[in-house]
Amino acid sequence: MVRTSAPEDAYTAEPFLPGRGGLTALRRAAAECRGCPLHRDATQTVFGDGGQDARVMLVGEQPGDQEDRQGKPFVGPAGKLLDRALEEAGIDPSEAYVTNAVKHFKFTQAEPRKRRIHKAPNLREMTACGPWLAAELAVVEPELIVVLGATAGKALLGSSFRVTQVRGTVLEEEIHGRPERLVPTVHPSSVLRSDDREAAYRGLVSDLRVAADALS
């Protein structure tokens, strides 16, 4: 059955979710998602990556340019920095499940061959993509969620979320009907943009050490 794009007043990925199956079934179904307009310009859906038995799930904002081209989350510069910070904090990156609140790259582009500039997803787009994140959480059942940045925090914890107020702390909240423990921190891309990159990096590692302690 061919599905058309959802009308603008009814953005949701819900009709595209499979009735059963694990991460493989979810990933396959997500590749066909037309639940909001972001799929139109993106190269492909970028679903989460990692094992179904991962103890920690890291949730970012959305794919970037490299992720959109390669089809995997956190493979660009921010992802490489995140892997280094995780290792320094005592978390094995290969044992984490990484994903994004929004599964398609949203960007602006002045001309077809010009660089694609990241554009933050809005609340309706985050809400539309929520069923995918809920499904990932239900399958993986992580012991801890690391929230990477404000957009991921708003997607999981609501529009009043402020990463600066709660970063580096362990929160206990109900997320998509499940009790979860979460540690918020900044998105690694913000470290790359920081005027004092070393201090920003040290702050990220410090927050991730809180997550490592919560898993021990």
N, C-alpha and C. Protein backbone atom coordinates (compact mmCIF):
# COMPACT_ATOMS: atom_id res chain seq x y z
N MET A 1 0.84 -1.19 0.00
CA MET A 1 0.00 0.00 0.00
C MET A 1 0.88 1.25 0.00
N VAL A 2 0.61 2.19 -0.86
CA VAL A 2 1.40 3.42 -0.94
C VAL A 2 0.76 4.47 -0.05
N ARG A 3 1.56 5.02 0.86
CA ARG A 3 1.03 6.06 1.74
C ARG A 3 1.45 7.42 1.21
N THR A 4 0.61 8.38 1.34
CA THR A 4 0.95 9.75 0.95
C THR A 4 1.38 10.52 2.18
N SER A 5 1.93 11.70 1.98
CA SER A 5 2.35 12.53 3.11
C SER A 5 1.15 12.92 3.95
N ALA A 6 1.40 13.04 5.25
CA ALA A 6 0.32 13.43 6.16
C ALA A 6 -0.05 14.89 5.93
N PRO A 7 -1.33 15.24 6.10
CA PRO A 7 -1.71 16.65 6.03
C PRO A 7 -1.03 17.43 7.14
N GLU A 8 -0.85 18.72 6.92
CA GLU A 8 -0.05 19.51 7.86
C GLU A 8 -0.65 19.57 9.25
N ASP A 9 -1.95 19.37 9.39
CA ASP A 9 -2.55 19.43 10.72
C ASP A 9 -2.54 18.07 11.41
N ALA A 10 -1.88 17.08 10.80
CA ALA A 10 -1.87 15.74 11.38
C ALA A 10 -0.51 15.07 11.19
N TYR A 11 0.57 15.81 11.46
CA TYR A 11 1.89 15.22 11.35
C TYR A 11 2.03 14.10 12.39
N THR A 12 2.29 12.91 11.97
CA THR A 12 2.62 11.82 12.89
C THR A 12 3.19 10.64 12.14
N ALA A 13 4.16 9.98 12.79
CA ALA A 13 4.75 8.78 12.21
C ALA A 13 3.95 7.53 12.56
N GLU A 14 2.95 7.67 13.41
CA GLU A 14 2.23 6.52 13.94
C GLU A 14 1.77 5.51 12.88
N PRO A 15 1.17 5.95 11.75
CA PRO A 15 0.69 4.97 10.77
C PRO A 15 1.79 4.16 10.10
N PHE A 16 3.03 4.59 10.24
CA PHE A 16 4.13 3.92 9.55
C PHE A 16 4.84 2.89 10.42
N LEU A 17 4.51 2.86 11.71
CA LEU A 17 5.15 1.90 12.61
C LEU A 17 4.68 0.48 12.30
N PRO A 18 5.60 -0.49 12.37
CA PRO A 18 5.19 -1.87 12.14
C PRO A 18 4.39 -2.41 13.33
N GLY A 19 3.56 -3.38 13.06
CA GLY A 19 2.74 -3.95 14.14
C GLY A 19 3.53 -4.80 15.10
N ARG A 20 4.70 -5.29 14.67
CA ARG A 20 5.50 -6.16 15.51
C ARG A 20 6.94 -6.14 15.02
N GLY A 21 7.82 -6.78 15.80
CA GLY A 21 9.21 -6.87 15.40
C GLY A 21 10.13 -6.01 16.24
N GLY A 22 11.42 -6.24 16.11
CA GLY A 22 12.42 -5.50 16.88
C GLY A 22 13.00 -4.34 16.10
N LEU A 23 14.26 -4.05 16.38
CA LEU A 23 14.90 -2.89 15.77
C LEU A 23 15.00 -3.01 14.25
N THR A 24 15.22 -4.22 13.75
CA THR A 24 15.32 -4.39 12.30
C THR A 24 14.01 -4.02 11.62
N ALA A 25 12.91 -4.46 12.19
CA ALA A 25 11.59 -4.13 11.63
C ALA A 25 11.32 -2.64 11.73
N LEU A 26 11.70 -2.02 12.84
CA LEU A 26 11.50 -0.58 13.00
C LEU A 26 12.34 0.20 11.99
N ARG A 27 13.58 -0.20 11.83
CA ARG A 27 14.47 0.51 10.90
C ARG A 27 13.95 0.42 9.46
N ARG A 28 13.47 -0.77 9.10
CA ARG A 28 12.94 -0.97 7.75
C ARG A 28 11.70 -0.11 7.53
N ALA A 29 10.82 -0.07 8.52
CA ALA A 29 9.59 0.72 8.40
C ALA A 29 9.88 2.22 8.39
N ALA A 30 10.85 2.64 9.20
CA ALA A 30 11.18 4.07 9.28
C ALA A 30 11.71 4.59 7.96
N ALA A 31 12.32 3.72 7.18
CA ALA A 31 12.85 4.14 5.88
C ALA A 31 11.75 4.63 4.95
N GLU A 32 10.51 4.22 5.22
CA GLU A 32 9.38 4.62 4.39
C GLU A 32 8.51 5.70 5.04
N CYS A 33 8.98 6.27 6.15
CA CYS A 33 8.14 7.22 6.89
C CYS A 33 7.89 8.51 6.10
N ARG A 34 6.62 8.89 6.05
CA ARG A 34 6.21 10.14 5.40
C ARG A 34 5.33 10.93 6.38
N GLY A 35 5.61 10.78 7.66
CA GLY A 35 4.75 11.36 8.68
C GLY A 35 4.83 12.86 8.84
N CYS A 36 5.86 13.48 8.26
CA CYS A 36 5.96 14.94 8.24
C CYS A 36 6.76 15.32 7.00
N PRO A 37 6.77 16.59 6.62
CA PRO A 37 7.42 16.98 5.34
C PRO A 37 8.94 16.85 5.29
N LEU A 38 9.61 16.58 6.41
CA LEU A 38 11.07 16.57 6.40
C LEU A 38 11.65 15.50 5.47
N HIS A 39 10.89 14.46 5.20
CA HIS A 39 11.40 13.39 4.33
C HIS A 39 11.62 13.87 2.90
N ARG A 40 10.94 14.95 2.51
CA ARG A 40 10.97 15.37 1.11
C ARG A 40 12.36 15.81 0.65
N ASP A 41 13.08 16.51 1.51
CA ASP A 41 14.38 17.05 1.12
C ASP A 41 15.56 16.22 1.62
N ALA A 42 15.34 15.41 2.64
CA ALA A 42 16.42 14.59 3.19
C ALA A 42 16.80 13.47 2.22
N THR A 43 18.03 13.04 2.29
CA THR A 43 18.49 11.93 1.45
C THR A 43 17.83 10.62 1.85
N GLN A 44 17.70 10.42 3.18
CA GLN A 44 17.16 9.16 3.68
C GLN A 44 16.81 9.32 5.16
N THR A 45 16.05 8.37 5.67
CA THR A 45 15.80 8.29 7.10
C THR A 45 17.08 7.84 7.79
N VAL A 46 17.41 8.48 8.91
CA VAL A 46 18.55 8.06 9.71
C VAL A 46 18.01 7.51 11.03
N PHE A 47 17.93 6.20 11.11
CA PHE A 47 17.38 5.56 12.30
C PHE A 47 18.49 5.35 13.33
N GLY A 48 18.11 4.92 14.52
CA GLY A 48 19.08 4.67 15.58
C GLY A 48 20.01 3.53 15.24
N ASP A 49 21.13 3.46 15.98
CA ASP A 49 22.15 2.45 15.71
C ASP A 49 22.67 1.91 17.03
N GLY A 50 22.79 0.59 17.12
CA GLY A 50 23.28 -0.04 18.33
C GLY A 50 22.53 -1.32 18.63
N GLY A 51 22.95 -1.98 19.69
CA GLY A 51 22.37 -3.27 20.05
C GLY A 51 21.05 -3.14 20.79
N GLN A 52 20.22 -4.15 20.63
CA GLN A 52 18.92 -4.18 21.30
C GLN A 52 19.07 -4.35 22.82
N ASP A 53 20.26 -4.79 23.26
CA ASP A 53 20.50 -5.00 24.69
C ASP A 53 21.37 -3.89 25.29
N ALA A 54 21.49 -2.76 24.60
CA ALA A 54 22.31 -1.65 25.10
C ALA A 54 21.79 -1.15 26.45
N ARG A 55 22.70 -0.89 27.38
CA ARG A 55 22.30 -0.40 28.70
C ARG A 55 22.00 1.10 28.69
N VAL A 56 22.62 1.81 27.77
CA VAL A 56 22.43 3.26 27.71
C VAL A 56 22.00 3.68 26.31
N MET A 57 21.05 4.59 26.23
CA MET A 57 20.61 5.15 24.96
C MET A 57 20.96 6.63 24.96
N LEU A 58 21.63 7.07 23.91
CA LEU A 58 21.96 8.48 23.75
C LEU A 58 21.04 9.07 22.70
N VAL A 59 20.35 10.15 23.06
CA VAL A 59 19.36 10.76 22.17
C VAL A 59 19.81 12.17 21.81
N GLY A 60 20.04 12.40 20.53
CA GLY A 60 20.40 13.72 20.05
C GLY A 60 19.22 14.41 19.38
N GLU A 61 19.51 15.43 18.60
CA GLU A 61 18.47 16.24 17.99
C GLU A 61 17.96 15.66 16.68
N GLN A 62 18.83 15.65 15.68
CA GLN A 62 18.48 15.19 14.34
C GLN A 62 19.77 14.86 13.60
N PRO A 63 19.68 14.13 12.49
CA PRO A 63 20.90 13.86 11.72
C PRO A 63 21.50 15.16 11.17
N GLY A 64 22.82 15.15 11.01
CA GLY A 64 23.49 16.25 10.34
C GLY A 64 23.77 15.89 8.88
N ASP A 65 24.58 16.69 8.23
CA ASP A 65 24.86 16.49 6.81
C ASP A 65 25.48 15.12 6.53
N GLN A 66 26.51 14.76 7.29
CA GLN A 66 27.19 13.48 7.07
C GLN A 66 26.28 12.30 7.40
N GLU A 67 25.50 12.45 8.48
CA GLU A 67 24.58 11.38 8.86
C GLU A 67 23.53 11.16 7.77
N ASP A 68 23.04 12.25 7.21
CA ASP A 68 22.04 12.17 6.14
C ASP A 68 22.60 11.45 4.91
N ARG A 69 23.86 11.69 4.61
CA ARG A 69 24.48 11.07 3.44
C ARG A 69 24.80 9.59 3.69
N GLN A 70 25.22 9.27 4.93
CA GLN A 70 25.67 7.90 5.22
C GLN A 70 24.56 7.01 5.79
N GLY A 71 23.49 7.63 6.31
CA GLY A 71 22.39 6.86 6.83
C GLY A 71 22.58 6.32 8.23
N LYS A 72 23.57 6.86 8.97
CA LYS A 72 23.81 6.43 10.35
C LYS A 72 23.95 7.65 11.25
N PRO A 73 23.49 7.56 12.50
CA PRO A 73 23.59 8.70 13.41
C PRO A 73 25.00 8.88 13.96
N PHE A 74 25.37 10.11 14.22
CA PHE A 74 26.61 10.47 14.90
C PHE A 74 27.86 9.93 14.21
N VAL A 75 27.92 10.09 12.90
CA VAL A 75 29.12 9.69 12.16
C VAL A 75 29.93 10.91 11.70
N GLY A 76 29.43 12.11 11.95
CA GLY A 76 30.14 13.33 11.57
C GLY A 76 31.07 13.78 12.68
N PRO A 77 31.57 15.02 12.61
CA PRO A 77 32.51 15.54 13.61
C PRO A 77 31.97 15.48 15.04
N ALA A 78 30.68 15.82 15.23
CA ALA A 78 30.11 15.79 16.57
C ALA A 78 30.08 14.37 17.12
N GLY A 79 29.82 13.40 16.25
CA GLY A 79 29.80 12.01 16.68
C GLY A 79 31.17 11.52 17.09
N LYS A 80 32.20 11.92 16.37
CA LYS A 80 33.56 11.52 16.73
C LYS A 80 33.96 12.13 18.07
N LEU A 81 33.57 13.38 18.30
CA LEU A 81 33.86 14.01 19.58
C LEU A 81 33.09 13.31 20.70
N LEU A 82 31.85 12.93 20.44
CA LEU A 82 31.05 12.23 21.44
C LEU A 82 31.68 10.89 21.81
N ASP A 83 32.16 10.13 20.82
CA ASP A 83 32.80 8.85 21.10
C ASP A 83 34.01 9.04 22.01
N ARG A 84 34.80 10.08 21.72
CA ARG A 84 35.99 10.35 22.55
C ARG A 84 35.59 10.70 23.98
N ALA A 85 34.54 11.51 24.12
CA ALA A 85 34.08 11.91 25.45
C ALA A 85 33.50 10.72 26.22
N LEU A 86 32.77 9.85 25.54
CA LEU A 86 32.22 8.66 26.18
C LEU A 86 33.34 7.77 26.72
N GLU A 87 34.34 7.53 25.89
CA GLU A 87 35.45 6.68 26.33
C GLU A 87 36.16 7.28 27.53
N GLU A 88 36.36 8.60 27.50
CA GLU A 88 37.03 9.27 28.61
C GLU A 88 36.20 9.19 29.88
N ALA A 89 34.88 9.18 29.73
CA ALA A 89 33.98 9.12 30.88
C ALA A 89 33.79 7.70 31.40
N GLY A 90 34.24 6.69 30.64
CA GLY A 90 34.12 5.32 31.08
C GLY A 90 32.92 4.58 30.51
N ILE A 91 32.40 5.06 29.39
CA ILE A 91 31.29 4.39 28.71
C ILE A 91 31.79 3.93 27.34
N ASP A 92 31.65 2.65 27.06
CA ASP A 92 32.09 2.10 25.77
C ASP A 92 31.10 2.51 24.68
N PRO A 93 31.52 3.33 23.71
CA PRO A 93 30.58 3.77 22.66
C PRO A 93 29.94 2.61 21.90
N SER A 94 30.68 1.50 21.77
CA SER A 94 30.14 0.36 21.02
C SER A 94 29.02 -0.35 21.76
N GLU A 95 28.86 -0.06 23.05
CA GLU A 95 27.81 -0.69 23.84
C GLU A 95 26.62 0.23 24.07
N ALA A 96 26.63 1.40 23.43
CA ALA A 96 25.53 2.35 23.56
C ALA A 96 24.64 2.29 22.32
N TYR A 97 23.37 2.63 22.51
CA TYR A 97 22.45 2.79 21.39
C TYR A 97 22.32 4.28 21.15
N VAL A 98 22.58 4.74 19.93
CA VAL A 98 22.53 6.17 19.62
C VAL A 98 21.41 6.44 18.63
N THR A 99 20.68 7.50 18.87
CA THR A 99 19.57 7.85 17.99
C THR A 99 19.30 9.35 18.09
N ASN A 100 18.30 9.80 17.37
CA ASN A 100 17.92 11.21 17.39
C ASN A 100 16.42 11.34 17.60
N ALA A 101 16.01 12.48 18.16
CA ALA A 101 14.59 12.74 18.35
C ALA A 101 13.86 12.84 17.03
N VAL A 102 14.55 13.36 16.00
CA VAL A 102 14.00 13.51 14.66
C VAL A 102 14.89 12.71 13.70
N LYS A 103 14.29 11.95 12.80
CA LYS A 103 15.03 10.99 11.99
C LYS A 103 15.41 11.50 10.59
N HIS A 104 15.00 12.71 10.24
CA HIS A 104 15.37 13.27 8.94
C HIS A 104 16.13 14.58 9.15
N PHE A 105 17.07 14.85 8.26
CA PHE A 105 17.89 16.06 8.30
C PHE A 105 17.06 17.25 7.83
N LYS A 106 16.97 18.27 8.68
CA LYS A 106 16.29 19.51 8.31
C LYS A 106 17.36 20.57 8.07
N PHE A 107 17.28 21.24 6.93
CA PHE A 107 18.34 22.18 6.58
C PHE A 107 17.82 23.28 5.67
N THR A 108 18.64 24.30 5.56
CA THR A 108 18.40 25.35 4.57
C THR A 108 19.57 25.32 3.59
N GLN A 109 19.31 25.77 2.35
CA GLN A 109 20.34 25.73 1.32
C GLN A 109 20.09 26.86 0.34
N ALA A 110 21.05 27.77 0.23
CA ALA A 110 20.86 28.94 -0.62
C ALA A 110 20.75 28.54 -2.10
N GLU A 111 21.60 27.61 -2.53
CA GLU A 111 21.60 27.13 -3.91
C GLU A 111 21.85 25.63 -3.90
N PRO A 112 21.44 24.91 -4.94
CA PRO A 112 21.56 23.45 -4.95
C PRO A 112 22.95 22.91 -4.61
N ARG A 113 24.01 23.59 -5.04
CA ARG A 113 25.35 23.05 -4.79
C ARG A 113 26.02 23.69 -3.57
N LYS A 114 25.33 24.57 -2.90
CA LYS A 114 25.88 25.21 -1.71
C LYS A 114 25.77 24.27 -0.51
N ARG A 115 26.52 24.60 0.53
CA ARG A 115 26.51 23.79 1.75
C ARG A 115 25.12 23.80 2.39
N ARG A 116 24.71 22.66 2.89
CA ARG A 116 23.42 22.55 3.58
C ARG A 116 23.58 22.95 5.04
N ILE A 117 22.81 23.94 5.47
CA ILE A 117 22.94 24.48 6.82
C ILE A 117 21.85 23.88 7.72
N HIS A 118 22.29 23.28 8.82
CA HIS A 118 21.38 22.69 9.79
C HIS A 118 20.32 23.68 10.25
N LYS A 119 19.09 23.23 10.37
CA LYS A 119 18.00 24.04 10.89
C LYS A 119 17.27 23.22 11.94
N ALA A 120 17.06 23.79 13.11
CA ALA A 120 16.46 23.03 14.22
C ALA A 120 15.02 22.62 13.88
N PRO A 121 14.65 21.38 14.21
CA PRO A 121 13.27 20.95 13.99
C PRO A 121 12.33 21.69 14.94
N ASN A 122 11.08 21.88 14.50
CA ASN A 122 10.12 22.55 15.38
C ASN A 122 9.35 21.51 16.20
N LEU A 123 8.51 22.00 17.09
CA LEU A 123 7.80 21.12 18.02
C LEU A 123 6.91 20.12 17.29
N ARG A 124 6.25 20.55 16.21
CA ARG A 124 5.36 19.64 15.48
C ARG A 124 6.14 18.52 14.82
N GLU A 125 7.32 18.84 14.33
CA GLU A 125 8.16 17.81 13.70
C GLU A 125 8.70 16.84 14.75
N MET A 126 9.09 17.36 15.91
CA MET A 126 9.55 16.48 16.99
C MET A 126 8.43 15.58 17.47
N THR A 127 7.24 16.15 17.61
CA THR A 127 6.09 15.37 18.06
C THR A 127 5.73 14.30 17.04
N ALA A 128 5.80 14.65 15.76
CA ALA A 128 5.49 13.69 14.70
C ALA A 128 6.41 12.50 14.76
N CYS A 129 7.67 12.73 15.07
CA CYS A 129 8.67 11.67 15.10
C CYS A 129 8.68 10.91 16.42
N GLY A 130 7.94 11.39 17.41
CA GLY A 130 7.93 10.78 18.73
C GLY A 130 7.64 9.29 18.76
N PRO A 131 6.70 8.78 17.94
CA PRO A 131 6.43 7.35 17.96
C PRO A 131 7.65 6.46 17.65
N TRP A 132 8.56 6.95 16.81
CA TRP A 132 9.77 6.16 16.54
C TRP A 132 10.63 6.07 17.78
N LEU A 133 10.81 7.18 18.47
CA LEU A 133 11.63 7.18 19.68
C LEU A 133 10.98 6.33 20.78
N ALA A 134 9.66 6.43 20.89
CA ALA A 134 8.94 5.60 21.87
C ALA A 134 9.14 4.12 21.56
N ALA A 135 9.10 3.77 20.28
CA ALA A 135 9.28 2.37 19.88
C ALA A 135 10.70 1.89 20.17
N GLU A 136 11.69 2.74 19.92
CA GLU A 136 13.08 2.38 20.23
C GLU A 136 13.25 2.14 21.72
N LEU A 137 12.68 3.01 22.54
CA LEU A 137 12.78 2.84 23.99
C LEU A 137 12.12 1.55 24.45
N ALA A 138 10.98 1.22 23.86
CA ALA A 138 10.25 0.02 24.24
C ALA A 138 11.03 -1.24 23.88
N VAL A 139 11.76 -1.21 22.77
CA VAL A 139 12.52 -2.39 22.34
C VAL A 139 13.83 -2.51 23.11
N VAL A 140 14.58 -1.42 23.22
CA VAL A 140 15.90 -1.46 23.84
C VAL A 140 15.80 -1.54 25.37
N GLU A 141 14.82 -0.84 25.93
CA GLU A 141 14.65 -0.79 27.39
C GLU A 141 15.96 -0.44 28.10
N PRO A 142 16.55 0.72 27.79
CA PRO A 142 17.83 1.07 28.39
C PRO A 142 17.71 1.33 29.88
N GLU A 143 18.80 1.11 30.58
CA GLU A 143 18.84 1.45 32.00
C GLU A 143 18.92 2.96 32.20
N LEU A 144 19.47 3.66 31.20
CA LEU A 144 19.69 5.10 31.33
C LEU A 144 19.60 5.74 29.95
N ILE A 145 19.03 6.94 29.90
CA ILE A 145 18.99 7.74 28.68
C ILE A 145 19.89 8.96 28.89
N VAL A 146 20.83 9.18 27.98
CA VAL A 146 21.62 10.42 28.00
C VAL A 146 20.99 11.36 26.98
N VAL A 147 20.54 12.50 27.47
CA VAL A 147 19.84 13.49 26.65
C VAL A 147 20.87 14.49 26.14
N LEU A 148 21.07 14.53 24.84
CA LEU A 148 22.10 15.38 24.24
C LEU A 148 21.48 16.67 23.69
N GLY A 149 21.44 17.70 24.51
CA GLY A 149 21.02 19.01 24.05
C GLY A 149 19.55 19.33 24.27
N ALA A 150 19.22 20.59 23.98
CA ALA A 150 17.90 21.13 24.29
C ALA A 150 16.78 20.49 23.47
N THR A 151 17.01 20.26 22.19
CA THR A 151 15.95 19.71 21.35
C THR A 151 15.56 18.31 21.80
N ALA A 152 16.55 17.46 22.07
CA ALA A 152 16.27 16.12 22.57
C ALA A 152 15.54 16.20 23.91
N GLY A 153 15.96 17.14 24.75
CA GLY A 153 15.30 17.31 26.04
C GLY A 153 13.85 17.72 25.91
N LYS A 154 13.58 18.62 25.00
CA LYS A 154 12.19 19.05 24.79
C LYS A 154 11.35 17.90 24.22
N ALA A 155 11.94 17.10 23.34
CA ALA A 155 11.22 15.97 22.76
C ALA A 155 10.85 14.94 23.82
N LEU A 156 11.73 14.74 24.80
CA LEU A 156 11.51 13.72 25.81
C LEU A 156 10.78 14.25 27.05
N LEU A 157 11.08 15.51 27.42
CA LEU A 157 10.64 16.02 28.72
C LEU A 157 9.71 17.23 28.63
N GLY A 158 9.42 17.70 27.42
CA GLY A 158 8.48 18.80 27.28
C GLY A 158 9.16 20.12 26.97
N SER A 159 8.36 21.08 26.56
CA SER A 159 8.88 22.35 26.04
C SER A 159 9.54 23.22 27.11
N SER A 160 9.30 22.94 28.39
CA SER A 160 9.90 23.75 29.45
C SER A 160 11.33 23.31 29.78
N PHE A 161 11.81 22.24 29.15
CA PHE A 161 13.14 21.71 29.44
C PHE A 161 14.22 22.74 29.15
N ARG A 162 15.16 22.88 30.07
CA ARG A 162 16.32 23.76 29.88
C ARG A 162 17.57 22.97 30.27
N VAL A 163 18.39 22.66 29.31
CA VAL A 163 19.55 21.80 29.57
C VAL A 163 20.49 22.43 30.58
N THR A 164 20.62 23.74 30.58
CA THR A 164 21.55 24.39 31.51
C THR A 164 21.12 24.23 32.96
N GLN A 165 19.85 24.01 33.20
CA GLN A 165 19.34 23.90 34.58
C GLN A 165 19.53 22.51 35.16
N VAL A 166 19.60 21.48 34.33
CA VAL A 166 19.59 20.11 34.85
C VAL A 166 20.74 19.25 34.33
N ARG A 167 21.66 19.82 33.55
CA ARG A 167 22.74 19.01 32.98
C ARG A 167 23.58 18.39 34.10
N GLY A 168 24.03 17.17 33.85
CA GLY A 168 24.88 16.50 34.83
C GLY A 168 24.16 16.00 36.06
N THR A 169 22.85 15.89 36.00
CA THR A 169 22.07 15.34 37.11
C THR A 169 21.29 14.12 36.62
N VAL A 170 20.92 13.25 37.55
CA VAL A 170 20.11 12.08 37.21
C VAL A 170 18.65 12.41 37.48
N LEU A 171 17.85 12.38 36.43
CA LEU A 171 16.42 12.65 36.54
C LEU A 171 15.65 11.34 36.46
N GLU A 172 14.53 11.29 37.14
CA GLU A 172 13.63 10.14 37.05
C GLU A 172 12.28 10.64 36.58
N GLU A 173 11.90 10.25 35.36
CA GLU A 173 10.67 10.74 34.74
C GLU A 173 9.96 9.61 34.02
N GLU A 174 8.66 9.80 33.79
CA GLU A 174 7.93 8.86 32.95
C GLU A 174 7.99 9.36 31.51
N ILE A 175 8.53 8.52 30.63
CA ILE A 175 8.71 8.88 29.23
C ILE A 175 7.94 7.86 28.38
N HIS A 176 6.98 8.34 27.62
CA HIS A 176 6.17 7.46 26.77
C HIS A 176 5.62 6.28 27.57
N GLY A 177 5.17 6.58 28.78
CA GLY A 177 4.52 5.56 29.59
C GLY A 177 5.46 4.64 30.37
N ARG A 178 6.76 4.91 30.30
CA ARG A 178 7.74 4.06 31.00
C ARG A 178 8.55 4.91 31.98
N PRO A 179 8.80 4.40 33.19
CA PRO A 179 9.70 5.11 34.10
C PRO A 179 11.12 5.03 33.58
N GLU A 180 11.78 6.16 33.47
CA GLU A 180 13.13 6.20 32.91
C GLU A 180 14.04 7.04 33.80
N ARG A 181 15.33 6.71 33.77
CA ARG A 181 16.36 7.56 34.37
C ARG A 181 17.09 8.26 33.23
N LEU A 182 17.31 9.56 33.39
CA LEU A 182 17.93 10.34 32.34
C LEU A 182 19.04 11.23 32.91
N VAL A 183 20.09 11.41 32.13
CA VAL A 183 21.14 12.38 32.44
C VAL A 183 21.24 13.34 31.26
N PRO A 184 20.83 14.58 31.44
CA PRO A 184 20.95 15.56 30.35
C PRO A 184 22.36 16.15 30.28
N THR A 185 22.77 16.47 29.08
CA THR A 185 24.01 17.21 28.86
C THR A 185 23.87 17.99 27.56
N VAL A 186 24.92 18.70 27.19
CA VAL A 186 24.88 19.48 25.95
C VAL A 186 25.05 18.55 24.75
N HIS A 187 24.65 19.03 23.59
CA HIS A 187 24.90 18.28 22.36
C HIS A 187 26.37 18.47 21.99
N PRO A 188 27.05 17.41 21.54
CA PRO A 188 28.48 17.58 21.20
C PRO A 188 28.75 18.62 20.13
N SER A 189 27.77 18.89 19.26
CA SER A 189 27.99 19.93 18.25
C SER A 189 28.18 21.30 18.89
N SER A 190 27.57 21.51 20.07
CA SER A 190 27.73 22.80 20.75
C SER A 190 29.15 22.96 21.28
N VAL A 191 29.80 21.85 21.59
CA VAL A 191 31.20 21.89 22.00
C VAL A 191 32.06 22.37 20.84
N LEU A 192 31.77 21.87 19.65
CA LEU A 192 32.54 22.26 18.46
C LEU A 192 32.35 23.73 18.12
N ARG A 193 31.19 24.29 18.48
CA ARG A 193 30.91 25.71 18.20
C ARG A 193 31.38 26.64 19.30
N SER A 194 31.80 26.08 20.43
CA SER A 194 32.13 26.90 21.60
C SER A 194 33.39 27.74 21.39
N ASP A 195 33.39 28.94 21.97
CA ASP A 195 34.59 29.78 21.93
C ASP A 195 35.72 29.16 22.75
N ASP A 196 35.34 28.47 23.83
CA ASP A 196 36.32 27.77 24.67
C ASP A 196 36.03 26.28 24.55
N ARG A 197 36.52 25.69 23.48
CA ARG A 197 36.16 24.31 23.17
C ARG A 197 36.65 23.34 24.24
N GLU A 198 37.83 23.59 24.80
CA GLU A 198 38.37 22.67 25.80
C GLU A 198 37.50 22.65 27.05
N ALA A 199 37.09 23.84 27.51
CA ALA A 199 36.23 23.90 28.70
C ALA A 199 34.87 23.24 28.43
N ALA A 200 34.33 23.48 27.25
CA ALA A 200 33.05 22.87 26.89
C ALA A 200 33.16 21.35 26.83
N TYR A 201 34.28 20.88 26.30
CA TYR A 201 34.51 19.43 26.22
C TYR A 201 34.62 18.82 27.61
N ARG A 202 35.35 19.49 28.50
CA ARG A 202 35.50 18.99 29.86
C ARG A 202 34.14 18.93 30.56
N GLY A 203 33.28 19.90 30.29
CA GLY A 203 31.94 19.88 30.87
C GLY A 203 31.13 18.70 30.38
N LEU A 204 31.25 18.38 29.08
CA LEU A 204 30.54 17.23 28.51
C LEU A 204 31.04 15.94 29.16
N VAL A 205 32.35 15.79 29.28
CA VAL A 205 32.91 14.59 29.90
C VAL A 205 32.44 14.46 31.35
N SER A 206 32.42 15.56 32.07
CA SER A 206 31.96 15.55 33.46
C SER A 206 30.52 15.05 33.56
N ASP A 207 29.65 15.54 32.67
CA ASP A 207 28.25 15.08 32.67
C ASP A 207 28.16 13.59 32.34
N LEU A 208 28.97 13.15 31.39
CA LEU A 208 28.93 11.75 30.99
C LEU A 208 29.48 10.85 32.10
N ARG A 209 30.35 11.37 32.94
CA ARG A 209 30.83 10.59 34.09
C ARG A 209 29.69 10.35 35.07
N VAL A 210 28.79 11.31 35.19
CA VAL A 210 27.60 11.11 36.02
C VAL A 210 26.78 9.95 35.47
N ALA A 211 26.65 9.92 34.15
CA ALA A 211 25.93 8.81 33.50
C ALA A 211 26.63 7.48 33.74
N ALA A 212 27.96 7.47 33.62
CA ALA A 212 28.73 6.25 33.86
C ALA A 212 28.53 5.75 35.29
N ASP A 213 28.57 6.67 36.25
CA ASP A 213 28.35 6.30 37.65
C ASP A 213 26.96 5.73 37.87
N ALA A 214 25.96 6.29 37.17
CA ALA A 214 24.58 5.82 37.32
C ALA A 214 24.41 4.41 36.74
N LEU A 215 25.27 4.04 35.81
CA LEU A 215 25.21 2.71 35.20
C LEU A 215 26.01 1.67 36.00
N SER A 216 26.88 2.14 36.89
CA SER A 216 27.76 1.19 37.59
C SER A 216 27.07 0.54 38.77
